[in-house]
Amino acid sequence: MKEFRIGKRVQVALPACPYSRRAAGVYRGTVDYVKGNHVGVWMSFNGYGDDNGFLTGAARITDNGVLIAGR
């Protein structure tokens, strides 16, 4: 697993979410925490500031450590 530091900007490939009506796609976020092989990524909503958004996590990361397959 690649080393991730808190605050690093990453891209996360997320599936569609029927509850929040989020479309599937690639979103940008920042690393919020790293716990073992799990990376928590904070995804802020565009235009709403850093306080508004959602936290997602993933364990699968591409070789270059940029794209994370989220859940």
PDB file of N, CA and C in Angstrom:
ATOM      1  N   MET A   1       0.828  -1.174   0.000  1.00  0.00           N
ATOM      2  CA  MET A   1       0.000   0.000   0.000  1.00  0.00           C
ATOM      3  C   MET A   1       0.879   1.246   0.000  1.00  0.00           C
ATOM      4  N   LYS A   2       0.476   2.218  -0.754  1.00  0.00           N
ATOM      5  CA  LYS A   2       1.224   3.469  -0.827  1.00  0.00           C
ATOM      6  C   LYS A   2       1.091   4.241   0.482  1.00  0.00           C
ATOM      7  N   GLU A   3       2.080   5.071   0.744  1.00  0.00           N
ATOM      8  CA  GLU A   3       2.023   5.925   1.924  1.00  0.00           C
ATOM      9  C   GLU A   3       1.149   7.134   1.625  1.00  0.00           C
ATOM     10  N   PHE A   4       0.236   7.420   2.517  1.00  0.00           N
ATOM     11  CA  PHE A   4      -0.635   8.581   2.379  1.00  0.00           C
ATOM     12  C   PHE A   4      -0.453   9.473   3.589  1.00  0.00           C
ATOM     13  N   ARG A   5      -0.299  10.745   3.349  1.00  0.00           N
ATOM     14  CA  ARG A   5      -0.215  11.688   4.455  1.00  0.00           C
ATOM     15  C   ARG A   5      -1.553  12.419   4.568  1.00  0.00           C
ATOM     16  N   ILE A   6      -1.878  12.825   5.750  1.00  0.00           N
ATOM     17  CA  ILE A   6      -3.126  13.541   5.994  1.00  0.00           C
ATOM     18  C   ILE A   6      -3.102  14.841   5.191  1.00  0.00           C
ATOM     19  N   GLY A   7      -4.186  15.118   4.487  1.00  0.00           N
ATOM     20  CA  GLY A   7      -4.296  16.340   3.701  1.00  0.00           C
ATOM     21  C   GLY A   7      -3.910  16.184   2.239  1.00  0.00           C
ATOM     22  N   LYS A   8      -3.404  15.012   1.834  1.00  0.00           N
ATOM     23  CA  LYS A   8      -3.022  14.799   0.434  1.00  0.00           C
ATOM     24  C   LYS A   8      -4.275  14.774  -0.433  1.00  0.00           C
ATOM     25  N   ARG A   9      -4.228  15.471  -1.575  1.00  0.00           N
ATOM     26  CA  ARG A   9      -5.340  15.478  -2.523  1.00  0.00           C
ATOM     27  C   ARG A   9      -5.303  14.203  -3.347  1.00  0.00           C
ATOM     28  N   VAL A  10      -6.435  13.510  -3.428  1.00  0.00           N
ATOM     29  CA  VAL A  10      -6.523  12.264  -4.172  1.00  0.00           C
ATOM     30  C   VAL A  10      -7.809  12.251  -4.988  1.00  0.00           C
ATOM     31  N   GLN A  11      -7.879  11.341  -5.939  1.00  0.00           N
ATOM     32  CA  GLN A  11      -9.085  11.130  -6.721  1.00  0.00           C
ATOM     33  C   GLN A  11      -9.693   9.805  -6.284  1.00  0.00           C
ATOM     34  N   VAL A  12     -11.018   9.784  -6.136  1.00  0.00           N
ATOM     35  CA  VAL A  12     -11.715   8.600  -5.677  1.00  0.00           C
ATOM     36  C   VAL A  12     -12.780   8.226  -6.693  1.00  0.00           C
ATOM     37  N   ALA A  13     -12.752   6.983  -7.157  1.00  0.00           N
ATOM     38  CA  ALA A  13     -13.780   6.474  -8.062  1.00  0.00           C
ATOM     39  C   ALA A  13     -14.903   5.916  -7.203  1.00  0.00           C
ATOM     40  N   LEU A  14     -16.068   6.570  -7.227  1.00  0.00           N
ATOM     41  CA  LEU A  14     -17.187   6.176  -6.376  1.00  0.00           C
ATOM     42  C   LEU A  14     -18.328   5.604  -7.201  1.00  0.00           C
ATOM     43  N   PRO A  15     -19.012   4.590  -6.662  1.00  0.00           N
ATOM     44  CA  PRO A  15     -20.213   4.074  -7.330  1.00  0.00           C
ATOM     45  C   PRO A  15     -21.389   5.017  -7.074  1.00  0.00           C
ATOM     46  N   ALA A  16     -22.478   4.785  -7.775  1.00  0.00           N
ATOM     47  CA  ALA A  16     -23.682   5.587  -7.571  1.00  0.00           C
ATOM     48  C   ALA A  16     -24.273   5.292  -6.199  1.00  0.00           C
ATOM     49  N   CYS A  17     -24.859   6.306  -5.574  1.00  0.00           N
ATOM     50  CA  CYS A  17     -25.475   6.153  -4.253  1.00  0.00           C
ATOM     51  C   CYS A  17     -26.959   6.509  -4.364  1.00  0.00           C
ATOM     52  N   PRO A  18     -27.861   5.535  -4.174  1.00  0.00           N
ATOM     53  CA  PRO A  18     -29.294   5.828  -4.310  1.00  0.00           C
ATOM     54  C   PRO A  18     -29.837   6.706  -3.186  1.00  0.00           C
ATOM     55  N   TYR A  19     -29.178   6.727  -2.027  1.00  0.00           N
ATOM     56  CA  TYR A  19     -29.671   7.506  -0.888  1.00  0.00           C
ATOM     57  C   TYR A  19     -29.381   8.994  -1.044  1.00  0.00           C
ATOM     58  N   SER A  20     -28.156   9.336  -1.462  1.00  0.00           N
ATOM     59  CA  SER A  20     -27.799  10.748  -1.630  1.00  0.00           C
ATOM     60  C   SER A  20     -27.973  11.218  -3.065  1.00  0.00           C
ATOM     61  N   ARG A  21     -28.341  10.310  -3.959  1.00  0.00           N
ATOM     62  CA  ARG A  21     -28.492  10.582  -5.398  1.00  0.00           C
ATOM     63  C   ARG A  21     -27.189  11.034  -6.040  1.00  0.00           C
ATOM     64  N   ARG A  22     -26.054  10.589  -5.478  1.00  0.00           N
ATOM     65  CA  ARG A  22     -24.744  10.902  -6.044  1.00  0.00           C
ATOM     66  C   ARG A  22     -24.527  10.016  -7.276  1.00  0.00           C
ATOM     67  N   ALA A  23     -24.124  10.621  -8.368  1.00  0.00           N
ATOM     68  CA  ALA A  23     -23.843   9.872  -9.589  1.00  0.00           C
ATOM     69  C   ALA A  23     -22.495   9.171  -9.476  1.00  0.00           C
ATOM     70  N   ALA A  24     -22.363   8.047 -10.158  1.00  0.00           N
ATOM     71  CA  ALA A  24     -21.073   7.356 -10.188  1.00  0.00           C
ATOM     72  C   ALA A  24     -20.072   8.206 -10.954  1.00  0.00           C
ATOM     73  N   GLY A  25     -18.819   8.177 -10.517  1.00  0.00           N
ATOM     74  CA  GLY A  25     -17.801   8.956 -11.195  1.00  0.00           C
ATOM     75  C   GLY A  25     -16.555   9.108 -10.357  1.00  0.00           C
ATOM     76  N   VAL A  26     -15.651   9.940 -10.829  1.00  0.00           N
ATOM     77  CA  VAL A  26     -14.395  10.204 -10.128  1.00  0.00           C
ATOM     78  C   VAL A  26     -14.502  11.563  -9.460  1.00  0.00           C
ATOM     79  N   TYR A  27     -14.266  11.583  -8.154  1.00  0.00           N
ATOM     80  CA  TYR A  27     -14.367  12.796  -7.361  1.00  0.00           C
ATOM     81  C   TYR A  27     -13.021  13.085  -6.706  1.00  0.00           C
ATOM     82  N   ARG A  28     -12.768  14.362  -6.404  1.00  0.00           N
ATOM     83  CA  ARG A  28     -11.533  14.756  -5.713  1.00  0.00           C
ATOM     84  C   ARG A  28     -11.830  14.943  -4.235  1.00  0.00           C
ATOM     85  N   GLY A  29     -10.845  14.549  -3.423  1.00  0.00           N
ATOM     86  CA  GLY A  29     -10.991  14.712  -1.988  1.00  0.00           C
ATOM     87  C   GLY A  29      -9.631  14.789  -1.324  1.00  0.00           C
ATOM     88  N   THR A  30      -9.623  14.915  -0.006  1.00  0.00           N
ATOM     89  CA  THR A  30      -8.375  14.952   0.746  1.00  0.00           C
ATOM     90  C   THR A  30      -8.368  13.812   1.759  1.00  0.00           C
ATOM     91  N   VAL A  31      -7.186  13.270   2.012  1.00  0.00           N
ATOM     92  CA  VAL A  31      -7.041  12.178   2.965  1.00  0.00           C
ATOM     93  C   VAL A  31      -7.310  12.721   4.365  1.00  0.00           C
ATOM     94  N   ASP A  32      -8.272  12.114   5.048  1.00  0.00           N
ATOM     95  CA  ASP A  32      -8.659  12.553   6.380  1.00  0.00           C
ATOM     96  C   ASP A  32      -7.996  11.702   7.468  1.00  0.00           C
ATOM     97  N   TYR A  33      -7.878  10.408   7.228  1.00  0.00           N
ATOM     98  CA  TYR A  33      -7.194   9.534   8.173  1.00  0.00           C
ATOM     99  C   TYR A  33      -6.670   8.296   7.458  1.00  0.00           C
ATOM    100  N   VAL A  34      -5.684   7.659   8.042  1.00  0.00           N
ATOM    101  CA  VAL A  34      -5.134   6.399   7.543  1.00  0.00           C
ATOM    102  C   VAL A  34      -5.093   5.448   8.730  1.00  0.00           C
ATOM    103  N   LYS A  35      -5.777   4.318   8.604  1.00  0.00           N
ATOM    104  CA  LYS A  35      -5.831   3.343   9.682  1.00  0.00           C
ATOM    105  C   LYS A  35      -5.532   1.966   9.085  1.00  0.00           C
ATOM    106  N   GLY A  36      -4.290   1.523   9.222  1.00  0.00           N
ATOM    107  CA  GLY A  36      -3.887   0.251   8.633  1.00  0.00           C
ATOM    108  C   GLY A  36      -3.892   0.342   7.120  1.00  0.00           C
ATOM    109  N   ASN A  37      -4.680  -0.540   6.476  1.00  0.00           N
ATOM    110  CA  ASN A  37      -4.772  -0.486   5.020  1.00  0.00           C
ATOM    111  C   ASN A  37      -6.043   0.230   4.566  1.00  0.00           C
ATOM    112  N   HIS A  38      -6.680   0.975   5.462  1.00  0.00           N
ATOM    113  CA  HIS A  38      -7.892   1.715   5.128  1.00  0.00           C
ATOM    114  C   HIS A  38      -7.583   3.211   5.096  1.00  0.00           C
ATOM    115  N   VAL A  39      -8.017   3.877   4.040  1.00  0.00           N
ATOM    116  CA  VAL A  39      -7.796   5.313   3.874  1.00  0.00           C
ATOM    117  C   VAL A  39      -9.147   6.007   3.890  1.00  0.00           C
ATOM    118  N   GLY A  40      -9.332   6.960   4.795  1.00  0.00           N
ATOM    119  CA  GLY A  40     -10.553   7.756   4.832  1.00  0.00           C
ATOM    120  C   GLY A  40     -10.348   9.040   4.050  1.00  0.00           C
ATOM    121  N   VAL A  41     -11.263   9.336   3.148  1.00  0.00           N
ATOM    122  CA  VAL A  41     -11.142  10.509   2.273  1.00  0.00           C
ATOM    123  C   VAL A  41     -12.349  11.414   2.478  1.00  0.00           C
ATOM    124  N   TRP A  42     -12.091  12.712   2.754  1.00  0.00           N
ATOM    125  CA  TRP A  42     -13.154  13.703   2.897  1.00  0.00           C
ATOM    126  C   TRP A  42     -13.454  14.306   1.541  1.00  0.00           C
ATOM    127  N   MET A  43     -14.705  14.191   1.107  1.00  0.00           N
ATOM    128  CA  MET A  43     -15.147  14.731  -0.169  1.00  0.00           C
ATOM    129  C   MET A  43     -16.034  15.940   0.118  1.00  0.00           C
ATOM    130  N   SER A  44     -15.570  17.144  -0.214  1.00  0.00           N
ATOM    131  CA  SER A  44     -16.387  18.340   0.030  1.00  0.00           C
ATOM    132  C   SER A  44     -17.273  18.601  -1.176  1.00  0.00           C
ATOM    133  N   PHE A  45     -18.455  19.153  -0.915  1.00  0.00           N
ATOM    134  CA  PHE A  45     -19.374  19.499  -1.980  1.00  0.00           C
ATOM    135  C   PHE A  45     -18.900  20.766  -2.655  1.00  0.00           C
ATOM    136  N   ASN A  46     -18.975  20.834  -3.962  1.00  0.00           N
ATOM    137  CA  ASN A  46     -18.540  22.027  -4.697  1.00  0.00           C
ATOM    138  C   ASN A  46     -19.390  23.229  -4.316  1.00  0.00           C
ATOM    139  N   GLY A  47     -18.708  24.315  -3.995  1.00  0.00           N
ATOM    140  CA  GLY A  47     -19.400  25.554  -3.695  1.00  0.00           C
ATOM    141  C   GLY A  47     -19.930  25.676  -2.286  1.00  0.00           C
ATOM    142  N   TYR A  48     -19.713  24.672  -1.444  1.00  0.00           N
ATOM    143  CA  TYR A  48     -20.255  24.719  -0.094  1.00  0.00           C
ATOM    144  C   TYR A  48     -19.187  24.806   0.983  1.00  0.00           C
ATOM    145  N   GLY A  49     -17.928  24.901   0.619  1.00  0.00           N
ATOM    146  CA  GLY A  49     -16.861  25.009   1.611  1.00  0.00           C
ATOM    147  C   GLY A  49     -16.407  23.652   2.110  1.00  0.00           C
ATOM    148  N   ASP A  50     -15.364  23.678   2.924  1.00  0.00           N
ATOM    149  CA  ASP A  50     -14.783  22.431   3.400  1.00  0.00           C
ATOM    150  C   ASP A  50     -15.582  21.777   4.514  1.00  0.00           C
ATOM    151  N   ASP A  51     -16.484  22.510   5.159  1.00  0.00           N
ATOM    152  CA  ASP A  51     -17.251  21.935   6.264  1.00  0.00           C
ATOM    153  C   ASP A  51     -18.387  21.044   5.781  1.00  0.00           C
ATOM    154  N   ASN A  52     -18.828  21.202   4.547  1.00  0.00           N
ATOM    155  CA  ASN A  52     -19.936  20.424   4.020  1.00  0.00           C
ATOM    156  C   ASN A  52     -19.411  19.377   3.054  1.00  0.00           C
ATOM    157  N   GLY A  53     -19.761  18.134   3.294  1.00  0.00           N
ATOM    158  CA  GLY A  53     -19.322  17.061   2.428  1.00  0.00           C
ATOM    159  C   GLY A  53     -19.608  15.721   3.066  1.00  0.00           C
ATOM    160  N   PHE A  54     -18.845  14.706   2.660  1.00  0.00           N
ATOM    161  CA  PHE A  54     -19.038  13.382   3.228  1.00  0.00           C
ATOM    162  C   PHE A  54     -17.707  12.665   3.290  1.00  0.00           C
ATOM    163  N   LEU A  55     -17.623  11.672   4.166  1.00  0.00           N
ATOM    164  CA  LEU A  55     -16.414  10.894   4.363  1.00  0.00           C
ATOM    165  C   LEU A  55     -16.610   9.537   3.709  1.00  0.00           C
ATOM    166  N   THR A  56     -15.660   9.123   2.892  1.00  0.00           N
ATOM    167  CA  THR A  56     -15.710   7.806   2.269  1.00  0.00           C
ATOM    168  C   THR A  56     -14.391   7.106   2.527  1.00  0.00           C
ATOM    169  N   GLY A  57     -14.378   5.817   2.367  1.00  0.00           N
ATOM    170  CA  GLY A  57     -13.166   5.067   2.632  1.00  0.00           C
ATOM    171  C   GLY A  57     -12.881   4.062   1.547  1.00  0.00           C
ATOM    172  N   ALA A  58     -11.646   3.623   1.484  1.00  0.00           N
ATOM    173  CA  ALA A  58     -11.249   2.652   0.480  1.00  0.00           C
ATOM    174  C   ALA A  58      -9.983   1.945   0.905  1.00  0.00           C
ATOM    175  N   ALA A  59      -9.775   0.775   0.336  1.00  0.00           N
ATOM    176  CA  ALA A  59      -8.555   0.034   0.607  1.00  0.00           C
ATOM    177  C   ALA A  59      -7.817  -0.294  -0.679  1.00  0.00           C
ATOM    178  N   ARG A  60      -8.446  -0.103  -1.829  1.00  0.00           N
ATOM    179  CA  ARG A  60      -7.806  -0.415  -3.100  1.00  0.00           C
ATOM    180  C   ARG A  60      -7.279   0.855  -3.747  1.00  0.00           C
ATOM    181  N   ILE A  61      -5.986   0.861  -4.038  1.00  0.00           N
ATOM    182  CA  ILE A  61      -5.337   2.061  -4.558  1.00  0.00           C
ATOM    183  C   ILE A  61      -4.523   1.684  -5.795  1.00  0.00           C
ATOM    184  N   THR A  62      -4.502   2.539  -6.799  1.00  0.00           N
ATOM    185  CA  THR A  62      -3.731   2.257  -8.001  1.00  0.00           C
ATOM    186  C   THR A  62      -2.236   2.345  -7.713  1.00  0.00           C
ATOM    187  N   ASP A  63      -1.446   1.867  -8.670  1.00  0.00           N
ATOM    188  CA  ASP A  63       0.005   1.811  -8.482  1.00  0.00           C
ATOM    189  C   ASP A  63       0.628   3.178  -8.228  1.00  0.00           C
ATOM    190  N   ASN A  64       0.100   4.216  -8.874  1.00  0.00           N
ATOM    191  CA  ASN A  64       0.686   5.546  -8.670  1.00  0.00           C
ATOM    192  C   ASN A  64       0.143   6.226  -7.410  1.00  0.00           C
ATOM    193  N   GLY A  65      -0.811   5.586  -6.726  1.00  0.00           N
ATOM    194  CA  GLY A  65      -1.309   6.125  -5.467  1.00  0.00           C
ATOM    195  C   GLY A  65      -2.196   7.334  -5.607  1.00  0.00           C
ATOM    196  N   VAL A  66      -2.791   7.525  -6.781  1.00  0.00           N
ATOM    197  CA  VAL A  66      -3.613   8.714  -6.990  1.00  0.00           C
ATOM    198  C   VAL A  66      -5.098   8.375  -7.003  1.00  0.00           C
ATOM    199  N   LEU A  67      -5.486   7.291  -7.677  1.00  0.00           N
ATOM    200  CA  LEU A  67      -6.899   6.946  -7.807  1.00  0.00           C
ATOM    201  C   LEU A  67      -7.258   5.864  -6.803  1.00  0.00           C
ATOM    202  N   ILE A  68      -8.278   6.126  -6.010  1.00  0.00           N
ATOM    203  CA  ILE A  68      -8.734   5.194  -4.988  1.00  0.00           C
ATOM    204  C   ILE A  68     -10.114   4.689  -5.387  1.00  0.00           C
ATOM    205  N   ALA A  69     -10.319   3.387  -5.265  1.00  0.00           N
ATOM    206  CA  ALA A  69     -11.640   2.815  -5.525  1.00  0.00           C
ATOM    207  C   ALA A  69     -12.446   2.906  -4.242  1.00  0.00           C
ATOM    208  N   GLY A  70     -13.417   3.803  -4.199  1.00  0.00           N
ATOM    209  CA  GLY A  70     -14.186   4.049  -2.992  1.00  0.00           C
ATOM    210  C   GLY A  70     -15.386   3.145  -2.870  1.00  0.00           C
ATOM    211  N   ARG A  71     -16.080   3.301  -1.729  1.00  0.00           N
ATOM    212  CA  ARG A  71     -17.290   2.510  -1.485  1.00  0.00           C
ATOM    213  C   ARG A  71     -18.452   3.451  -1.240  1.00  0.00           C
TER     214      ARG A  71
END
